[in-house]
Amino acid sequence: MIRMTLNTRETTPTKARIKKGDTVMVLAGKDRGKQGKVLQVMPAQSKVVVEKVNLIKRHTKPSRENKGGIVEKEGALALGKVMVVCPHCAKPARMAVALLDGGRRLRRCKQCGEIVDKG
């Protein structure tokens, strides 16, 4: 027998063209226009965590490990609400795939045409 719950957040994994360490700009929401570095990418949930963006306050109870109080941490954003900032032209841009000799696939900026990935 298969059990399914109604409140599952699992969706089909999207192809994230954003990688950990990229600089991204927020396109929508309360932090619109802010830039930050990607800390974590969750393609199964179509979410991304960006440094110093979408800060939430967590009220923690004191324990042996931590003293408790109000802790600020980054919340997850939807992948569609962020766009990679090209390091060459310093503008938010969509990414294309550039095929190199030997079958390597690297990300390329659609505005300036420069390769974004290292290597």
Protein backbone atom coordinates (compact mmCIF):
# COMPACT_ATOMS: atom_id res chain seq x y z
CA MET A 1 0.00 0.00 0.00
CA ILE A 2 1.34 3.44 -0.92
CA ARG A 3 0.79 6.30 1.50
CA MET A 4 0.85 9.86 0.27
CA THR A 5 0.58 12.98 2.37
CA LEU A 6 -1.08 16.14 1.21
CA ASN A 7 1.53 18.56 2.50
CA THR A 8 4.61 17.20 0.75
CA ARG A 9 6.89 19.87 -0.64
CA GLU A 10 8.71 17.56 -3.02
CA THR A 11 8.52 18.66 -6.62
CA THR A 12 10.27 17.44 -9.71
CA PRO A 13 13.90 18.58 -9.58
CA THR A 14 14.54 21.59 -11.78
CA LYS A 15 17.75 22.08 -13.68
CA ALA A 16 19.46 24.74 -11.59
CA ARG A 17 21.79 26.92 -13.63
CA ILE A 18 22.92 28.48 -10.36
CA LYS A 19 25.83 26.97 -8.46
CA LYS A 20 27.19 27.36 -4.96
CA GLY A 21 29.52 30.38 -4.78
CA ASP A 22 27.81 32.34 -7.59
CA THR A 23 26.88 35.96 -7.04
CA VAL A 24 23.16 36.42 -7.63
CA MET A 25 20.67 39.28 -7.61
CA VAL A 26 17.17 38.98 -6.12
CA LEU A 27 14.49 39.83 -8.70
CA ALA A 28 11.33 39.88 -6.56
CA GLY A 29 10.17 40.14 -2.97
CA LYS A 30 11.15 42.22 0.02
CA ASP A 31 14.88 41.93 -0.80
CA ARG A 32 14.52 42.95 -4.46
CA GLY A 33 17.77 44.34 -5.90
CA LYS A 34 20.05 42.87 -3.24
CA GLN A 35 23.07 40.86 -4.27
CA GLY A 36 24.72 38.03 -2.40
CA LYS A 37 26.73 34.84 -2.67
CA VAL A 38 24.93 31.48 -2.99
CA LEU A 39 25.45 29.34 0.10
CA GLN A 40 23.28 26.34 -0.84
CA VAL A 41 21.30 25.12 -3.84
CA MET A 42 18.36 22.72 -3.35
CA PRO A 43 17.22 21.61 -6.84
CA ALA A 44 14.67 19.11 -5.49
CA GLN A 45 12.74 21.93 -3.81
CA SER A 46 13.67 24.56 -6.45
CA LYS A 47 15.20 26.71 -3.70
CA VAL A 48 18.44 28.57 -3.10
CA VAL A 49 19.98 30.11 0.04
CA VAL A 50 21.75 33.44 -0.49
CA GLU A 51 24.16 35.12 1.96
CA LYS A 52 22.62 38.06 3.91
CA VAL A 53 19.35 37.91 1.94
CA ASN A 54 15.88 36.86 3.23
CA LEU A 55 16.98 36.97 6.87
CA ILE A 56 14.60 35.27 9.27
CA LYS A 57 14.61 35.33 13.06
CA ARG A 58 14.56 32.03 14.91
CA HIS A 59 13.74 32.04 18.63
CA THR A 60 15.90 29.31 20.16
CA LYS A 61 15.63 27.77 23.59
CA PRO A 62 18.78 27.65 25.75
CA SER A 63 20.58 24.31 25.82
CA ARG A 64 24.03 22.97 26.64
CA GLU A 65 25.32 23.77 23.14
CA ASN A 66 23.92 27.29 22.69
CA LYS A 67 22.78 30.02 25.03
CA GLY A 68 19.49 30.64 23.22
CA GLY A 69 17.82 33.89 22.26
CA ILE A 70 16.90 35.33 18.87
CA VAL A 71 19.13 34.06 16.06
CA GLU A 72 19.09 35.57 12.54
CA LYS A 73 19.75 33.23 9.63
CA GLU A 74 19.16 33.11 5.89
CA GLY A 75 15.94 31.64 4.58
CA ALA A 76 15.51 29.87 1.26
CA LEU A 77 14.40 31.70 -1.90
CA ALA A 78 12.75 30.28 -4.99
CA LEU A 79 15.15 29.65 -7.88
CA GLY A 80 13.01 31.78 -10.19
CA LYS A 81 13.43 34.85 -7.99
CA VAL A 82 17.22 35.06 -8.41
CA MET A 83 19.46 35.64 -11.42
CA VAL A 84 23.21 35.10 -11.76
CA VAL A 85 25.32 38.27 -11.93
CA CYS A 86 27.95 37.92 -14.66
CA PRO A 87 31.45 38.55 -13.24
CA HIS A 88 32.59 40.11 -16.55
CA CYS A 89 29.81 42.60 -17.35
CA ALA A 90 28.58 42.93 -13.70
CA LYS A 91 24.92 42.68 -14.78
CA PRO A 92 22.30 40.06 -13.97
CA ALA A 93 22.07 37.82 -17.01
CA ARG A 94 20.63 34.52 -18.17
CA MET A 95 23.02 31.64 -18.68
CA ALA A 96 23.53 29.59 -21.83
CA VAL A 97 25.51 26.38 -22.21
CA ALA A 98 28.74 26.53 -24.21
CA LEU A 99 30.04 23.23 -25.56
CA LEU A 100 33.83 22.98 -25.69
CA ASP A 101 36.06 20.47 -27.45
CA GLY A 102 36.00 17.17 -25.62
CA GLY A 103 32.35 17.51 -24.62
CA ARG A 104 32.80 19.90 -21.69
CA ARG A 105 29.76 22.04 -20.89
CA LEU A 106 30.34 25.46 -19.35
CA ARG A 107 27.95 28.30 -18.55
CA ARG A 108 28.12 31.37 -20.77
CA CYS A 109 26.62 34.83 -20.19
CA LYS A 110 23.94 35.60 -22.78
CA GLN A 111 24.62 39.36 -22.63
CA CYS A 112 28.39 39.60 -23.06
CA GLY A 113 29.14 36.05 -24.30
CA GLU A 114 31.94 35.41 -21.78
CA ILE A 115 32.40 32.06 -20.04
CA VAL A 116 31.23 32.26 -16.40
CA ASP A 117 32.56 28.94 -15.12
CA LYS A 118 36.19 28.52 -14.12
CA GLY A 119 38.22 25.98 -15.94
